[in-house]
Amino acid sequence: MTGVCSAEMVSCAICGTDSRSNLCEGCASELDNPLPFIAEQVLSAAVRPAGAWLIDVWGRVHPLEPSTTIGRTPVARGMSLFHASISRRHAEVVRERGSWYVHDLNSKCKTRVNGDPITDSALAHGDRVSFGMVGFYFVIDDGCRGEDADHLGSRTLKPKDVPLALPIESEGDATHPDLPRFHFRLVEAPDGLSGFFEARGDCVKLSMLQLQFLRILHDRMVSQAEVHSLARGYVSSESLLSDLPWDSKEPDENHLKQLVRRIRRILDGVGLGGAIESQRGLGYRLRFIPTGV
């Protein structure tokens, strides 16, 4: 593969057209991409990059080592894909005798190259590789796409960053054992101006704004049953500022932070301190899976 590197321009790694990302919209649309699915469900760690990448639907590059294992289990080196279609050890991409190959590891939802299910397959620059429902492009490193250029690069993980012993499956909740479950019920009052929540035997009154904030987080956590617990349930600040019934005509981040502080004080008063989690770039979520009608 040949090309001219330019710090002033980004081109699509597949078709070469000018693009705001390493992938143009047309090439990105060709990849398998389950919904809901977010960038934080893809984590990669490469200690010895070997001259090739997998590029995800967001245009981020994930460097490959001479042997890279792909699966659902978090690992210190390799690629972790947190989606129900991914097996614990799903596939392996290896460099052998100067060529690249992908081997399916008897995965449940199969590995495909350019749409065809494979057991073992050679890889060429530009091939579409799908692990379960999650697609990537295989790309030979052209020296023009730094991993951390602006927002395009994948997060480079050090081995100590990855939770090595995080459980993935257990009886009764095969996907999310590390998010606790307990009864949490939200109810709107007859006056339509307030409400309350029930949890651990307590019934606590809320303003309508507080009730709707918790309802949005509650519904997002419940609806994202297929999302791994590391990324499940988050609602962005932008969505909350747009969707909540604010008194202010132009609510901003400070309004949201004040609201969260008030709700956290209320929850702390009934022994639910830390029940609302915030994560930069993701937003807010409940740190539990709510049950109750």
C-alpha atoms as a PDB file:
ATOM      1  CA  MET A   1       0.000   0.000   0.000  1.00  0.00           C
ATOM      2  CA  THR A   2       1.383   3.425  -0.901  1.00  0.00           C
ATOM      3  CA  GLY A   3       0.296   6.909  -0.078  1.00  0.00           C
ATOM      4  CA  VAL A   4       1.429  10.396   0.826  1.00  0.00           C
ATOM      5  CA  CYS A   5       1.368  11.240   4.515  1.00  0.00           C
ATOM      6  CA  SER A   6       0.087  14.654   5.429  1.00  0.00           C
ATOM      7  CA  ALA A   7      -0.490  16.161   8.834  1.00  0.00           C
ATOM      8  CA  GLU A   8      -3.010  18.513   7.223  1.00  0.00           C
ATOM      9  CA  MET A   9      -5.301  15.845   5.781  1.00  0.00           C
ATOM     10  CA  VAL A  10      -6.851  12.553   6.815  1.00  0.00           C
ATOM     11  CA  SER A  11      -7.850  10.070   4.134  1.00  0.00           C
ATOM     12  CA  CYS A  12      -9.964   6.951   4.336  1.00  0.00           C
ATOM     13  CA  ALA A  13      -7.683   3.946   4.952  1.00  0.00           C
ATOM     14  CA  ILE A  14      -9.801   1.814   2.586  1.00  0.00           C
ATOM     15  CA  CYS A  15     -10.786   3.945  -0.409  1.00  0.00           C
ATOM     16  CA  GLY A  16      -8.345   6.849  -0.003  1.00  0.00           C
ATOM     17  CA  THR A  17     -10.927   9.633  -0.210  1.00  0.00           C
ATOM     18  CA  ASP A  18     -10.623  12.708   2.020  1.00  0.00           C
ATOM     19  CA  SER A  19     -12.294  12.017   5.349  1.00  0.00           C
ATOM     20  CA  ARG A  20     -12.687  13.433   8.839  1.00  0.00           C
ATOM     21  CA  SER A  21     -11.744  10.006  10.190  1.00  0.00           C
ATOM     22  CA  ASN A  22      -9.579   7.056   9.208  1.00  0.00           C
ATOM     23  CA  LEU A  23     -12.769   5.748   7.552  1.00  0.00           C
ATOM     24  CA  CYS A  24     -15.134   7.656   5.291  1.00  0.00           C
ATOM     25  CA  GLU A  25     -18.860   7.303   5.969  1.00  0.00           C
ATOM     26  CA  GLY A  26     -19.336   5.013   2.983  1.00  0.00           C
ATOM     27  CA  CYS A  27     -16.671   2.507   4.046  1.00  0.00           C
ATOM     28  CA  ALA A  28     -17.750   2.661   7.691  1.00  0.00           C
ATOM     29  CA  SER A  29     -21.332   1.827   6.666  1.00  0.00           C
ATOM     30  CA  GLU A  30     -20.103  -1.458   5.163  1.00  0.00           C
ATOM     31  CA  LEU A  31     -19.039  -2.771   8.564  1.00  0.00           C
ATOM     32  CA  ASP A  32     -21.230  -4.892  10.819  1.00  0.00           C
ATOM     33  CA  ASN A  33     -22.206  -2.678  13.738  1.00  0.00           C
ATOM     34  CA  PRO A  34     -24.770  -3.930  16.275  1.00  0.00           C
ATOM     35  CA  LEU A  35     -27.117  -1.507  17.983  1.00  0.00           C
ATOM     36  CA  PRO A  36     -26.874  -0.435  20.689  1.00  0.00           C
ATOM     37  CA  PHE A  37     -23.068  -0.461  20.615  1.00  0.00           C
ATOM     38  CA  ILE A  38     -20.604   2.219  21.721  1.00  0.00           C
ATOM     39  CA  ALA A  39     -16.894   2.799  21.302  1.00  0.00           C
ATOM     40  CA  GLU A  40     -16.173   1.957  24.939  1.00  0.00           C
ATOM     41  CA  GLN A  41     -17.179  -1.659  24.247  1.00  0.00           C
ATOM     42  CA  VAL A  42     -13.978  -2.072  22.225  1.00  0.00           C
ATOM     43  CA  LEU A  43     -10.713  -2.173  24.194  1.00  0.00           C
ATOM     44  CA  SER A  44      -7.323  -3.095  22.782  1.00  0.00           C
ATOM     45  CA  ALA A  45      -3.815  -3.415  24.180  1.00  0.00           C
ATOM     46  CA  ALA A  46      -0.747  -4.033  22.008  1.00  0.00           C
ATOM     47  CA  VAL A  47       2.708  -4.157  23.557  1.00  0.00           C
ATOM     48  CA  ARG A  48       4.580  -5.214  20.374  1.00  0.00           C
ATOM     49  CA  PRO A  49       2.743  -3.816  17.307  1.00  0.00           C
ATOM     50  CA  ALA A  50       3.613  -5.837  14.207  1.00  0.00           C
ATOM     51  CA  GLY A  51       2.695  -3.538  11.321  1.00  0.00           C
ATOM     52  CA  ALA A  52      -1.053  -4.083  10.919  1.00  0.00           C
ATOM     53  CA  TRP A  53      -4.276  -2.826  12.469  1.00  0.00           C
ATOM     54  CA  LEU A  54      -7.944  -3.501  12.866  1.00  0.00           C
ATOM     55  CA  ILE A  55      -9.930  -0.304  12.259  1.00  0.00           C
ATOM     56  CA  ASP A  56     -13.338  -0.059  13.915  1.00  0.00           C
ATOM     57  CA  VAL A  57     -16.485   1.663  12.677  1.00  0.00           C
ATOM     58  CA  TRP A  58     -15.446   4.924  14.384  1.00  0.00           C
ATOM     59  CA  GLY A  59     -12.161   4.991  12.463  1.00  0.00           C
ATOM     60  CA  ARG A  60     -10.015   4.137  15.478  1.00  0.00           C
ATOM     61  CA  VAL A  61      -6.930   2.001  14.892  1.00  0.00           C
ATOM     62  CA  HIS A  62      -6.229  -1.091  17.001  1.00  0.00           C
ATOM     63  CA  PRO A  63      -2.608  -2.266  16.479  1.00  0.00           C
ATOM     64  CA  LEU A  64      -2.051  -6.009  16.128  1.00  0.00           C
ATOM     65  CA  GLU A  65       0.769  -7.999  17.682  1.00  0.00           C
ATOM     66  CA  PRO A  66       2.237 -11.084  15.937  1.00  0.00           C
ATOM     67  CA  SER A  67      -0.514 -12.969  17.775  1.00  0.00           C
ATOM     68  CA  THR A  68      -3.637 -11.125  18.963  1.00  0.00           C
ATOM     69  CA  THR A  69      -6.544 -12.857  20.678  1.00  0.00           C
ATOM     70  CA  ILE A  70     -10.045 -11.365  20.303  1.00  0.00           C
ATOM     71  CA  GLY A  71     -12.768 -12.199  22.816  1.00  0.00           C
ATOM     72  CA  ARG A  72     -15.261 -11.006  25.406  1.00  0.00           C
ATOM     73  CA  THR A  73     -13.033 -11.589  28.422  1.00  0.00           C
ATOM     74  CA  PRO A  74     -10.968  -8.544  29.478  1.00  0.00           C
ATOM     75  CA  VAL A  75      -7.263  -9.233  28.914  1.00  0.00           C
ATOM     76  CA  ALA A  76      -3.969  -7.453  29.530  1.00  0.00           C
ATOM     77  CA  ARG A  77      -2.941  -7.871  25.873  1.00  0.00           C
ATOM     78  CA  GLY A  78      -5.241  -8.379  22.905  1.00  0.00           C
ATOM     79  CA  MET A  79      -8.694  -7.090  22.020  1.00  0.00           C
ATOM     80  CA  SER A  80     -11.801  -7.253  24.210  1.00  0.00           C
ATOM     81  CA  LEU A  81     -15.235  -6.799  22.597  1.00  0.00           C
ATOM     82  CA  PHE A  82     -18.011  -6.478  25.144  1.00  0.00           C
ATOM     83  CA  HIS A  83     -21.017  -7.769  23.216  1.00  0.00           C
ATOM     84  CA  ALA A  84     -23.262 -10.812  23.578  1.00  0.00           C
ATOM     85  CA  SER A  85     -22.310 -12.126  20.109  1.00  0.00           C
ATOM     86  CA  ILE A  86     -18.648 -12.438  21.135  1.00  0.00           C
ATOM     87  CA  SER A  87     -17.353 -15.632  22.736  1.00  0.00           C
ATOM     88  CA  ARG A  88     -14.919 -15.526  25.630  1.00  0.00           C
ATOM     89  CA  ARG A  89     -12.100 -16.528  23.252  1.00  0.00           C
ATOM     90  CA  HIS A  90     -13.569 -15.785  19.850  1.00  0.00           C
ATOM     91  CA  ALA A  91     -10.720 -15.607  17.321  1.00  0.00           C
ATOM     92  CA  GLU A  92      -7.019 -15.026  16.851  1.00  0.00           C
ATOM     93  CA  VAL A  93      -5.224 -12.849  14.290  1.00  0.00           C
ATOM     94  CA  VAL A  94      -1.631 -13.976  13.692  1.00  0.00           C
ATOM     95  CA  ARG A  95       1.339 -13.162  11.506  1.00  0.00           C
ATOM     96  CA  GLU A  96       2.954 -16.286  10.084  1.00  0.00           C
ATOM     97  CA  ARG A  97       5.877 -16.341   7.634  1.00  0.00           C
ATOM     98  CA  GLY A  98       5.291 -12.713   6.677  1.00  0.00           C
ATOM     99  CA  SER A  99       1.540 -13.083   6.005  1.00  0.00           C
ATOM    100  CA  TRP A 100      -1.505 -12.409   8.152  1.00  0.00           C
ATOM    101  CA  TYR A 101      -4.249 -14.918   9.051  1.00  0.00           C
ATOM    102  CA  VAL A 102      -7.366 -15.034  11.186  1.00  0.00           C
ATOM    103  CA  HIS A 103      -8.374 -18.237  12.983  1.00  0.00           C
ATOM    104  CA  ASP A 104     -11.816 -18.752  14.480  1.00  0.00           C
ATOM    105  CA  LEU A 105     -11.583 -20.377  17.927  1.00  0.00           C
ATOM    106  CA  ASN A 106     -14.810 -22.378  17.686  1.00  0.00           C
ATOM    107  CA  SER A 107     -16.855 -19.286  18.491  1.00  0.00           C
ATOM    108  CA  LYS A 108     -20.620 -19.475  18.876  1.00  0.00           C
ATOM    109  CA  CYS A 109     -21.455 -16.637  16.452  1.00  0.00           C
ATOM    110  CA  LYS A 110     -18.571 -17.290  14.024  1.00  0.00           C
ATOM    111  CA  THR A 111     -15.907 -15.162  12.400  1.00  0.00           C
ATOM    112  CA  ARG A 112     -16.437 -13.848   8.857  1.00  0.00           C
ATOM    113  CA  VAL A 113     -14.116 -12.355   6.260  1.00  0.00           C
ATOM    114  CA  ASN A 114     -15.835 -10.189   3.638  1.00  0.00           C
ATOM    115  CA  GLY A 115     -19.147 -11.683   4.709  1.00  0.00           C
ATOM    116  CA  ASP A 116     -18.161 -15.362   4.482  1.00  0.00           C
ATOM    117  CA  PRO A 117     -17.918 -17.553   7.617  1.00  0.00           C
ATOM    118  CA  ILE A 118     -14.407 -18.945   8.045  1.00  0.00           C
ATOM    119  CA  THR A 119     -12.442 -21.329  10.197  1.00  0.00           C
ATOM    120  CA  ASP A 120      -9.053 -20.102   8.985  1.00  0.00           C
ATOM    121  CA  SER A 121      -8.417 -17.418   6.403  1.00  0.00           C
ATOM    122  CA  ALA A 122      -5.575 -15.328   5.012  1.00  0.00           C
ATOM    123  CA  LEU A 123      -6.030 -11.567   5.343  1.00  0.00           C
ATOM    124  CA  ALA A 124      -5.322  -8.842   2.800  1.00  0.00           C
ATOM    125  CA  HIS A 125      -5.348  -5.076   3.220  1.00  0.00           C
ATOM    126  CA  GLY A 126      -8.940  -3.787   3.218  1.00  0.00           C
ATOM    127  CA  ASP A 127     -10.618  -7.084   4.157  1.00  0.00           C
ATOM    128  CA  ARG A 128     -13.729  -6.778   6.323  1.00  0.00           C
ATOM    129  CA  VAL A 129     -13.383  -9.019   9.378  1.00  0.00           C
ATOM    130  CA  SER A 130     -16.431  -9.595  11.584  1.00  0.00           C
ATOM    131  CA  PHE A 131     -16.281 -11.211  15.008  1.00  0.00           C
ATOM    132  CA  GLY A 132     -19.865 -12.114  15.777  1.00  0.00           C
ATOM    133  CA  MET A 133     -21.807  -8.925  15.033  1.00  0.00           C
ATOM    134  CA  VAL A 134     -18.834  -6.556  15.399  1.00  0.00           C
ATOM    135  CA  GLY A 135     -16.959  -5.591  12.219  1.00  0.00           C
ATOM    136  CA  PHE A 136     -13.513  -4.164  11.472  1.00  0.00           C
ATOM    137  CA  TYR A 137     -11.265  -3.525   8.506  1.00  0.00           C
ATOM    138  CA  PHE A 138      -7.883  -5.241   8.392  1.00  0.00           C
ATOM    139  CA  VAL A 139      -5.280  -2.669   7.326  1.00  0.00           C
ATOM    140  CA  ILE A 140      -1.532  -2.827   6.784  1.00  0.00           C
ATOM    141  CA  ASP A 141       0.216   0.017   8.634  1.00  0.00           C
ATOM    142  CA  ASP A 142       1.144   2.744   6.118  1.00  0.00           C
ATOM    143  CA  GLY A 143       2.915   4.908   8.682  1.00  0.00           C
ATOM    144  CA  CYS A 144       0.399   7.728   8.220  1.00  0.00           C
ATOM    145  CA  ARG A 145      -2.094   7.098  10.989  1.00  0.00           C
ATOM    146  CA  GLY A 146      -0.819   7.712  14.492  1.00  0.00           C
ATOM    147  CA  GLU A 147      -2.812   5.905  17.136  1.00  0.00           C
ATOM    148  CA  ASP A 148      -3.436   9.034  19.167  1.00  0.00           C
ATOM    149  CA  ALA A 149      -3.933  11.557  16.359  1.00  0.00           C
ATOM    150  CA  ASP A 150      -6.741  13.783  17.671  1.00  0.00           C
ATOM    151  CA  HIS A 151      -9.694  11.574  18.682  1.00  0.00           C
ATOM    152  CA  LEU A 152      -9.100   8.876  16.071  1.00  0.00           C
ATOM    153  CA  GLY A 153      -6.694   6.548  17.789  1.00  0.00           C
ATOM    154  CA  SER A 154      -7.666   3.652  19.998  1.00  0.00           C
ATOM    155  CA  ARG A 155      -6.921   3.886  23.659  1.00  0.00           C
ATOM    156  CA  THR A 156      -3.473   2.378  24.256  1.00  0.00           C
ATOM    157  CA  LEU A 157      -3.802   0.242  27.371  1.00  0.00           C
ATOM    158  CA  LYS A 158      -1.011  -0.836  29.640  1.00  0.00           C
ATOM    159  CA  PRO A 159      -1.419  -4.316  31.140  1.00  0.00           C
ATOM    160  CA  LYS A 160      -2.092  -2.881  34.597  1.00  0.00           C
ATOM    161  CA  ASP A 161      -5.076  -0.903  33.216  1.00  0.00           C
ATOM    162  CA  VAL A 162      -7.109  -4.031  32.444  1.00  0.00           C
ATOM    163  CA  PRO A 163      -9.106  -5.901  35.138  1.00  0.00           C
ATOM    164  CA  LEU A 164      -7.662  -9.366  34.668  1.00  0.00           C
ATOM    165  CA  ALA A 165     -10.060 -11.235  36.898  1.00  0.00           C
ATOM    166  CA  LEU A 166     -13.329  -9.522  35.995  1.00  0.00           C
ATOM    167  CA  PRO A 167     -15.969 -12.274  35.842  1.00  0.00           C
ATOM    168  CA  ILE A 168     -18.065 -12.431  32.678  1.00  0.00           C
ATOM    169  CA  GLU A 169     -20.531 -15.196  33.331  1.00  0.00           C
ATOM    170  CA  SER A 170     -22.306 -16.529  36.407  1.00  0.00           C
ATOM    171  CA  GLU A 171     -25.566 -18.301  37.073  1.00  0.00           C
ATOM    172  CA  GLY A 172     -28.590 -16.039  36.984  1.00  0.00           C
ATOM    173  CA  ASP A 173     -26.991 -13.082  35.203  1.00  0.00           C
ATOM    174  CA  ALA A 174     -24.662 -14.337  32.502  1.00  0.00           C
ATOM    175  CA  THR A 175     -23.743 -10.948  31.122  1.00  0.00           C
ATOM    176  CA  HIS A 176     -23.569  -8.557  34.072  1.00  0.00           C
ATOM    177  CA  PRO A 177     -22.623 -10.309  37.328  1.00  0.00           C
ATOM    178  CA  ASP A 178     -20.589  -7.337  38.586  1.00  0.00           C
ATOM    179  CA  LEU A 179     -23.567  -4.915  38.541  1.00  0.00           C
ATOM    180  CA  PRO A 180     -25.758  -5.664  41.581  1.00  0.00           C
ATOM    181  CA  ARG A 181     -29.526  -5.925  41.319  1.00  0.00           C
ATOM    182  CA  PHE A 182     -32.059  -4.621  43.800  1.00  0.00           C
ATOM    183  CA  HIS A 183     -35.574  -3.249  43.981  1.00  0.00           C
ATOM    184  CA  PHE A 184     -35.807   0.375  42.823  1.00  0.00           C
ATOM    185  CA  ARG A 185     -39.219   1.681  41.805  1.00  0.00           C
ATOM    186  CA  LEU A 186     -40.081   5.149  40.495  1.00  0.00           C
ATOM    187  CA  VAL A 187     -43.634   6.500  40.770  1.00  0.00           C
ATOM    188  CA  GLU A 188     -45.140   9.761  39.555  1.00  0.00           C
ATOM    189  CA  ALA A 189     -47.455  11.487  42.038  1.00  0.00           C
ATOM    190  CA  PRO A 190     -51.116  12.123  41.062  1.00  0.00           C
ATOM    191  CA  ASP A 191     -50.497  15.878  40.907  1.00  0.00           C
ATOM    192  CA  GLY A 192     -48.076  15.368  38.005  1.00  0.00           C
ATOM    193  CA  LEU A 193     -45.625  17.763  39.640  1.00  0.00           C
ATOM    194  CA  SER A 194     -43.578  15.398  41.779  1.00  0.00           C
ATOM    195  CA  GLY A 195     -42.940  11.746  42.494  1.00  0.00           C
ATOM    196  CA  PHE A 196     -41.040   9.344  44.697  1.00  0.00           C
ATOM    197  CA  PHE A 197     -38.855   6.284  44.634  1.00  0.00           C
ATOM    198  CA  GLU A 198     -39.037   3.093  46.641  1.00  0.00           C
ATOM    199  CA  ALA A 199     -35.821   1.298  47.588  1.00  0.00           C
ATOM    200  CA  ARG A 200     -34.862  -0.919  50.521  1.00  0.00           C
ATOM    201  CA  GLY A 201     -38.162  -0.228  52.229  1.00  0.00           C
ATOM    202  CA  ASP A 202     -37.843   3.552  51.992  1.00  0.00           C
ATOM    203  CA  CYS A 203     -40.218   5.832  50.104  1.00  0.00           C
ATOM    204  CA  VAL A 204     -38.587   9.155  49.257  1.00  0.00           C
ATOM    205  CA  LYS A 205     -40.215  12.172  47.628  1.00  0.00           C
ATOM    206  CA  LEU A 206     -38.661  13.745  44.523  1.00  0.00           C
ATOM    207  CA  SER A 207     -39.275  16.809  42.403  1.00  0.00           C
ATOM    208  CA  MET A 208     -40.428  16.130  38.845  1.00  0.00           C
ATOM    209  CA  LEU A 209     -36.978  17.066  37.526  1.00  0.00           C
ATOM    210  CA  GLN A 210     -35.285  14.652  39.936  1.00  0.00           C
ATOM    211  CA  LEU A 211     -37.799  11.924  39.115  1.00  0.00           C
ATOM    212  CA  GLN A 212     -37.286  12.286  35.358  1.00  0.00           C
ATOM    213  CA  PHE A 213     -33.494  12.240  35.750  1.00  0.00           C
ATOM    214  CA  LEU A 214     -33.649   8.949  37.632  1.00  0.00           C
ATOM    215  CA  ARG A 215     -36.232   7.569  35.200  1.00  0.00           C
ATOM    216  CA  ILE A 216     -33.973   8.230  32.212  1.00  0.00           C
ATOM    217  CA  LEU A 217     -31.060   6.471  33.928  1.00  0.00           C
ATOM    218  CA  HIS A 218     -33.351   3.648  35.087  1.00  0.00           C
ATOM    219  CA  ASP A 219     -34.765   3.048  31.601  1.00  0.00           C
ATOM    220  CA  ARG A 220     -31.339   3.180  29.925  1.00  0.00           C
ATOM    221  CA  MET A 221     -29.898   0.610  32.327  1.00  0.00           C
ATOM    222  CA  VAL A 222     -32.868  -1.730  31.872  1.00  0.00           C
ATOM    223  CA  SER A 223     -32.962  -1.402  28.075  1.00  0.00           C
ATOM    224  CA  GLN A 224     -29.271  -2.124  27.466  1.00  0.00           C
ATOM    225  CA  ALA A 225     -29.376  -5.807  28.344  1.00  0.00           C
ATOM    226  CA  GLU A 226     -26.906  -6.678  25.564  1.00  0.00           C
ATOM    227  CA  VAL A 227     -24.281  -4.113  26.603  1.00  0.00           C
ATOM    228  CA  HIS A 228     -21.371  -5.209  28.791  1.00  0.00           C
ATOM    229  CA  SER A 229     -21.508  -3.923  32.367  1.00  0.00           C
ATOM    230  CA  LEU A 230     -18.415  -1.767  31.838  1.00  0.00           C
ATOM    231  CA  ALA A 231     -20.372   0.406  29.412  1.00  0.00           C
ATOM    232  CA  ARG A 232     -24.004  -0.354  30.188  1.00  0.00           C
ATOM    233  CA  GLY A 233     -26.528   2.291  31.182  1.00  0.00           C
ATOM    234  CA  TYR A 234     -24.680   5.553  30.543  1.00  0.00           C
ATOM    235  CA  VAL A 235     -26.631   8.628  29.411  1.00  0.00           C
ATOM    236  CA  SER A 236     -24.653  11.536  27.992  1.00  0.00           C
ATOM    237  CA  SER A 237     -24.799  15.005  29.519  1.00  0.00           C
ATOM    238  CA  GLU A 238     -26.006  16.330  26.164  1.00  0.00           C
ATOM    239  CA  SER A 239     -29.002  13.979  26.197  1.00  0.00           C
ATOM    240  CA  LEU A 240     -29.889  14.881  29.780  1.00  0.00           C
ATOM    241  CA  LEU A 241     -29.670  18.594  29.078  1.00  0.00           C
ATOM    242  CA  SER A 242     -31.882  18.119  26.024  1.00  0.00           C
ATOM    243  CA  ASP A 243     -34.501  15.720  27.427  1.00  0.00           C
ATOM    244  CA  LEU A 244     -35.115  16.803  31.030  1.00  0.00           C
ATOM    245  CA  PRO A 245     -37.904  19.295  31.907  1.00  0.00           C
ATOM    246  CA  TRP A 246     -35.634  22.107  33.038  1.00  0.00           C
ATOM    247  CA  ASP A 247     -36.978  25.362  34.503  1.00  0.00           C
ATOM    248  CA  SER A 248     -34.194  27.269  32.775  1.00  0.00           C
ATOM    249  CA  LYS A 249     -34.545  28.140  29.088  1.00  0.00           C
ATOM    250  CA  GLU A 250     -30.851  27.458  28.486  1.00  0.00           C
ATOM    251  CA  PRO A 251     -29.703  24.733  30.891  1.00  0.00           C
ATOM    252  CA  ASP A 252     -25.985  24.084  30.937  1.00  0.00           C
ATOM    253  CA  GLU A 253     -23.489  21.709  32.527  1.00  0.00           C
ATOM    254  CA  ASN A 254     -23.653  23.571  35.846  1.00  0.00           C
ATOM    255  CA  HIS A 255     -27.412  23.014  36.062  1.00  0.00           C
ATOM    256  CA  LEU A 256     -26.864  19.306  35.508  1.00  0.00           C
ATOM    257  CA  LYS A 257     -24.080  19.063  38.093  1.00  0.00           C
ATOM    258  CA  GLN A 258     -26.225  20.826  40.699  1.00  0.00           C
ATOM    259  CA  LEU A 259     -29.107  18.452  39.990  1.00  0.00           C
ATOM    260  CA  VAL A 260     -26.851  15.420  40.352  1.00  0.00           C
ATOM    261  CA  ARG A 261     -25.446  16.725  43.636  1.00  0.00           C
ATOM    262  CA  ARG A 262     -28.960  17.169  45.061  1.00  0.00           C
ATOM    263  CA  ILE A 263     -30.046  13.694  43.993  1.00  0.00           C
ATOM    264  CA  ARG A 264     -26.872  12.133  45.386  1.00  0.00           C
ATOM    265  CA  ARG A 265     -27.574  13.770  48.762  1.00  0.00           C
ATOM    266  CA  ILE A 266     -31.093  12.325  48.716  1.00  0.00           C
ATOM    267  CA  LEU A 267     -29.826   8.839  47.847  1.00  0.00           C
ATOM    268  CA  ASP A 268     -27.051   9.067  50.419  1.00  0.00           C
ATOM    269  CA  GLY A 269     -29.684   9.771  53.065  1.00  0.00           C
ATOM    270  CA  VAL A 270     -31.233   6.319  52.530  1.00  0.00           C
ATOM    271  CA  GLY A 271     -27.984   4.394  52.314  1.00  0.00           C
ATOM    272  CA  LEU A 272     -27.568   4.543  48.529  1.00  0.00           C
ATOM    273  CA  GLY A 273     -24.445   6.667  48.431  1.00  0.00           C
ATOM    274  CA  GLY A 274     -22.531   6.148  45.196  1.00  0.00           C
ATOM    275  CA  ALA A 275     -25.622   4.886  43.345  1.00  0.00           C
ATOM    276  CA  ILE A 276     -25.066   7.429  40.556  1.00  0.00           C
ATOM    277  CA  GLU A 277     -21.823   6.993  38.650  1.00  0.00           C
ATOM    278  CA  SER A 278     -20.285   9.528  36.290  1.00  0.00           C
ATOM    279  CA  GLN A 279     -17.633   8.836  33.657  1.00  0.00           C
ATOM    280  CA  ARG A 280     -15.916  11.450  31.506  1.00  0.00           C
ATOM    281  CA  GLY A 281     -16.980  11.035  27.886  1.00  0.00           C
ATOM    282  CA  LEU A 282     -19.856   8.679  28.765  1.00  0.00           C
ATOM    283  CA  GLY A 283     -22.134  10.606  31.114  1.00  0.00           C
ATOM    284  CA  TYR A 284     -24.127   9.312  34.079  1.00  0.00           C
ATOM    285  CA  ARG A 285     -25.627   5.972  35.050  1.00  0.00           C
ATOM    286  CA  LEU A 286     -27.014   3.955  37.946  1.00  0.00           C
ATOM    287  CA  ARG A 287     -24.401   1.637  39.469  1.00  0.00           C
ATOM    288  CA  PHE A 288     -26.962  -1.149  39.769  1.00  0.00           C
ATOM    289  CA  ILE A 289     -29.544  -2.963  37.664  1.00  0.00           C
ATOM    290  CA  PRO A 290     -32.969  -1.870  38.987  1.00  0.00           C
ATOM    291  CA  THR A 291     -35.772  -4.346  39.536  1.00  0.00           C
ATOM    292  CA  GLY A 292     -39.390  -3.655  40.352  1.00  0.00           C
ATOM    293  CA  VAL A 293     -42.485  -2.631  38.430  1.00  0.00           C
END
